[in-house]
Amino acid sequence: MNHPEIIKLQKFLQQKFGNRNIDVRPRNKQNDSVEVYLGEEFLGLIYVDDEDGDRSYNFQMAILDVDLDEIH
């Protein structure tokens, strides 16, 4: 993914979730995905899919059971 595409993804997520602290960062040696952070906390990855000429993005976020323990 190129820089303008990463910025568009970041702005989309910031608007969709109403949080300007969402940061989308390129990955080292990977051009098919980017990392998503909330401040300095890693949230997940966005993968690009170019199958059949239709470009789409898949956001993958893991939620650990210990993270759910903090929710009341």
N, C-alpha and C. Protein backbone atom coordinates (compact mmCIF):
# COMPACT_ATOMS: atom_id res chain seq x y z
N MET A 1 0.85 -1.18 0.00
CA MET A 1 0.00 0.00 0.00
C MET A 1 0.89 1.24 0.00
N ASN A 2 0.46 2.24 -0.72
CA ASN A 2 1.25 3.47 -0.79
C ASN A 2 0.77 4.46 0.28
N HIS A 3 1.54 5.52 0.45
CA HIS A 3 1.26 6.50 1.51
C HIS A 3 -0.13 7.13 1.38
N PRO A 4 -0.56 7.61 0.20
CA PRO A 4 -1.90 8.20 0.11
C PRO A 4 -3.02 7.21 0.49
N GLU A 5 -2.83 5.95 0.14
CA GLU A 5 -3.82 4.93 0.48
C GLU A 5 -3.87 4.71 2.00
N ILE A 6 -2.71 4.70 2.64
CA ILE A 6 -2.65 4.54 4.10
C ILE A 6 -3.34 5.71 4.79
N ILE A 7 -3.11 6.92 4.31
CA ILE A 7 -3.76 8.11 4.89
C ILE A 7 -5.28 8.03 4.73
N LYS A 8 -5.75 7.57 3.57
CA LYS A 8 -7.20 7.42 3.36
C LYS A 8 -7.79 6.42 4.33
N LEU A 9 -7.11 5.29 4.52
CA LEU A 9 -7.59 4.29 5.48
C LEU A 9 -7.64 4.86 6.89
N GLN A 10 -6.60 5.61 7.27
CA GLN A 10 -6.57 6.22 8.59
C GLN A 10 -7.72 7.20 8.77
N LYS A 11 -7.94 8.06 7.80
CA LYS A 11 -9.04 9.04 7.90
C LYS A 11 -10.39 8.33 7.95
N PHE A 12 -10.54 7.26 7.17
CA PHE A 12 -11.79 6.50 7.19
C PHE A 12 -12.06 5.95 8.59
N LEU A 13 -11.05 5.28 9.19
CA LEU A 13 -11.23 4.71 10.52
C LEU A 13 -11.48 5.79 11.58
N GLN A 14 -10.76 6.90 11.48
CA GLN A 14 -10.96 8.00 12.43
C GLN A 14 -12.39 8.52 12.36
N GLN A 15 -12.91 8.68 11.15
CA GLN A 15 -14.29 9.17 10.99
C GLN A 15 -15.30 8.12 11.42
N LYS A 16 -15.10 6.88 11.02
CA LYS A 16 -16.04 5.80 11.32
C LYS A 16 -16.19 5.57 12.82
N PHE A 17 -15.06 5.64 13.55
CA PHE A 17 -15.09 5.37 14.98
C PHE A 17 -15.05 6.64 15.83
N GLY A 18 -15.04 7.81 15.18
CA GLY A 18 -15.07 9.08 15.91
C GLY A 18 -13.88 9.25 16.84
N ASN A 19 -12.70 8.85 16.37
CA ASN A 19 -11.52 8.93 17.23
C ASN A 19 -10.30 9.31 16.39
N ARG A 20 -9.81 10.50 16.61
CA ARG A 20 -8.67 11.02 15.84
C ARG A 20 -7.33 10.42 16.29
N ASN A 21 -7.35 9.61 17.36
CA ASN A 21 -6.13 8.97 17.84
C ASN A 21 -5.81 7.67 17.12
N ILE A 22 -6.65 7.26 16.19
CA ILE A 22 -6.37 6.05 15.41
C ILE A 22 -5.27 6.38 14.41
N ASP A 23 -4.24 5.52 14.40
CA ASP A 23 -3.08 5.73 13.55
C ASP A 23 -2.85 4.47 12.71
N VAL A 24 -2.72 4.63 11.41
CA VAL A 24 -2.44 3.52 10.50
C VAL A 24 -1.00 3.65 10.04
N ARG A 25 -0.23 2.58 10.26
CA ARG A 25 1.21 2.63 10.00
C ARG A 25 1.63 1.51 9.04
N PRO A 26 2.57 1.81 8.14
CA PRO A 26 3.08 0.75 7.27
C PRO A 26 3.84 -0.29 8.08
N ARG A 27 3.90 -1.51 7.53
CA ARG A 27 4.66 -2.59 8.17
C ARG A 27 6.00 -2.74 7.49
N ASN A 28 7.00 -3.15 8.26
CA ASN A 28 8.32 -3.41 7.70
C ASN A 28 8.26 -4.61 6.76
N LYS A 29 8.76 -4.44 5.56
CA LYS A 29 8.90 -5.51 4.57
C LYS A 29 7.57 -6.13 4.15
N GLN A 30 6.45 -5.49 4.42
CA GLN A 30 5.13 -5.98 4.01
C GLN A 30 4.42 -4.87 3.27
N ASN A 31 3.99 -5.12 2.06
CA ASN A 31 3.27 -4.07 1.34
C ASN A 31 1.80 -4.45 1.10
N ASP A 32 1.37 -5.60 1.64
CA ASP A 32 -0.02 -6.01 1.48
C ASP A 32 -0.86 -5.75 2.73
N SER A 33 -0.25 -5.12 3.74
CA SER A 33 -0.98 -4.87 4.98
C SER A 33 -0.35 -3.71 5.74
N VAL A 34 -1.14 -3.15 6.67
CA VAL A 34 -0.70 -2.06 7.54
C VAL A 34 -1.14 -2.38 8.97
N GLU A 35 -0.51 -1.71 9.93
CA GLU A 35 -0.86 -1.87 11.34
C GLU A 35 -1.77 -0.74 11.78
N VAL A 36 -2.70 -1.04 12.68
CA VAL A 36 -3.63 -0.05 13.21
C VAL A 36 -3.37 0.10 14.71
N TYR A 37 -3.22 1.34 15.15
CA TYR A 37 -2.96 1.65 16.56
C TYR A 37 -3.99 2.64 17.07
N LEU A 38 -4.26 2.57 18.36
CA LEU A 38 -5.01 3.59 19.08
C LEU A 38 -4.03 4.17 20.08
N GLY A 39 -3.50 5.34 19.76
CA GLY A 39 -2.37 5.86 20.52
C GLY A 39 -1.19 4.95 20.29
N GLU A 40 -0.65 4.37 21.34
CA GLU A 40 0.46 3.42 21.20
C GLU A 40 0.02 1.97 21.35
N GLU A 41 -1.31 1.75 21.51
CA GLU A 41 -1.81 0.38 21.66
C GLU A 41 -2.12 -0.23 20.30
N PHE A 42 -1.50 -1.35 20.01
CA PHE A 42 -1.74 -2.06 18.76
C PHE A 42 -3.15 -2.65 18.76
N LEU A 43 -3.92 -2.36 17.70
CA LEU A 43 -5.28 -2.88 17.60
C LEU A 43 -5.39 -4.06 16.64
N GLY A 44 -4.71 -3.97 15.50
CA GLY A 44 -4.85 -5.03 14.52
C GLY A 44 -4.18 -4.69 13.20
N LEU A 45 -4.55 -5.45 12.17
CA LEU A 45 -3.97 -5.29 10.84
C LEU A 45 -5.07 -5.09 9.81
N ILE A 46 -4.74 -4.33 8.78
CA ILE A 46 -5.61 -4.21 7.61
C ILE A 46 -4.86 -4.83 6.44
N TYR A 47 -5.50 -5.80 5.80
CA TYR A 47 -4.94 -6.46 4.63
C TYR A 47 -5.67 -5.96 3.38
N VAL A 48 -4.93 -5.77 2.30
CA VAL A 48 -5.54 -5.38 1.03
C VAL A 48 -5.80 -6.64 0.22
N ASP A 49 -6.92 -6.67 -0.48
CA ASP A 49 -7.30 -7.80 -1.34
C ASP A 49 -7.61 -7.26 -2.73
N ASP A 50 -6.81 -7.68 -3.69
CA ASP A 50 -6.98 -7.23 -5.08
C ASP A 50 -7.59 -8.31 -5.98
N GLU A 51 -8.21 -9.28 -5.40
CA GLU A 51 -8.74 -10.40 -6.17
C GLU A 51 -9.78 -9.95 -7.19
N ASP A 52 -9.64 -10.46 -8.38
CA ASP A 52 -10.58 -10.18 -9.49
C ASP A 52 -10.69 -8.70 -9.83
N GLY A 53 -9.67 -7.92 -9.54
CA GLY A 53 -9.67 -6.51 -9.89
C GLY A 53 -10.48 -5.63 -8.97
N ASP A 54 -11.16 -6.21 -8.00
CA ASP A 54 -11.93 -5.43 -7.02
C ASP A 54 -11.06 -5.27 -5.77
N ARG A 55 -10.69 -4.05 -5.46
CA ARG A 55 -9.83 -3.79 -4.30
C ARG A 55 -10.69 -3.62 -3.06
N SER A 56 -10.35 -4.37 -2.02
CA SER A 56 -11.05 -4.24 -0.75
C SER A 56 -10.03 -4.37 0.39
N TYR A 57 -10.47 -4.05 1.59
CA TYR A 57 -9.60 -4.06 2.75
C TYR A 57 -10.26 -4.86 3.85
N ASN A 58 -9.47 -5.69 4.52
CA ASN A 58 -9.98 -6.53 5.60
C ASN A 58 -9.26 -6.15 6.89
N PHE A 59 -10.03 -5.70 7.88
CA PHE A 59 -9.48 -5.31 9.17
C PHE A 59 -9.57 -6.50 10.11
N GLN A 60 -8.43 -6.94 10.63
CA GLN A 60 -8.37 -8.08 11.53
C GLN A 60 -7.90 -7.62 12.90
N MET A 61 -8.74 -7.88 13.91
CA MET A 61 -8.44 -7.45 15.27
C MET A 61 -8.66 -8.64 16.21
N ALA A 62 -7.64 -8.98 16.96
CA ALA A 62 -7.77 -10.06 17.94
C ALA A 62 -8.15 -9.45 19.29
N ILE A 63 -9.09 -10.10 19.98
CA ILE A 63 -9.49 -9.67 21.32
C ILE A 63 -9.19 -10.83 22.27
N LEU A 64 -8.28 -10.58 23.20
CA LEU A 64 -7.91 -11.62 24.16
C LEU A 64 -8.93 -11.72 25.28
N ASP A 65 -9.12 -12.91 25.80
CA ASP A 65 -10.08 -13.08 26.89
C ASP A 65 -9.69 -12.27 28.13
N VAL A 66 -8.39 -12.05 28.35
CA VAL A 66 -7.97 -11.24 29.49
C VAL A 66 -8.38 -9.79 29.32
N ASP A 67 -8.50 -9.33 28.06
CA ASP A 67 -8.98 -7.96 27.80
C ASP A 67 -10.45 -7.84 28.21
N LEU A 68 -11.21 -8.89 28.02
CA LEU A 68 -12.62 -8.87 28.38
C LEU A 68 -12.82 -8.87 29.90
N ASP A 69 -11.85 -9.39 30.64
CA ASP A 69 -11.94 -9.40 32.10
C ASP A 69 -12.00 -8.00 32.67
N GLU A 70 -11.46 -7.02 31.94
CA GLU A 70 -11.45 -5.63 32.41
C GLU A 70 -12.79 -4.94 32.21
N ILE A 71 -13.71 -5.57 31.48
CA ILE A 71 -15.02 -4.99 31.17
C ILE A 71 -16.02 -5.41 32.25
N HIS A 72 -16.77 -4.44 32.76
CA HIS A 72 -17.76 -4.73 33.80
C HIS A 72 -19.15 -4.62 33.24
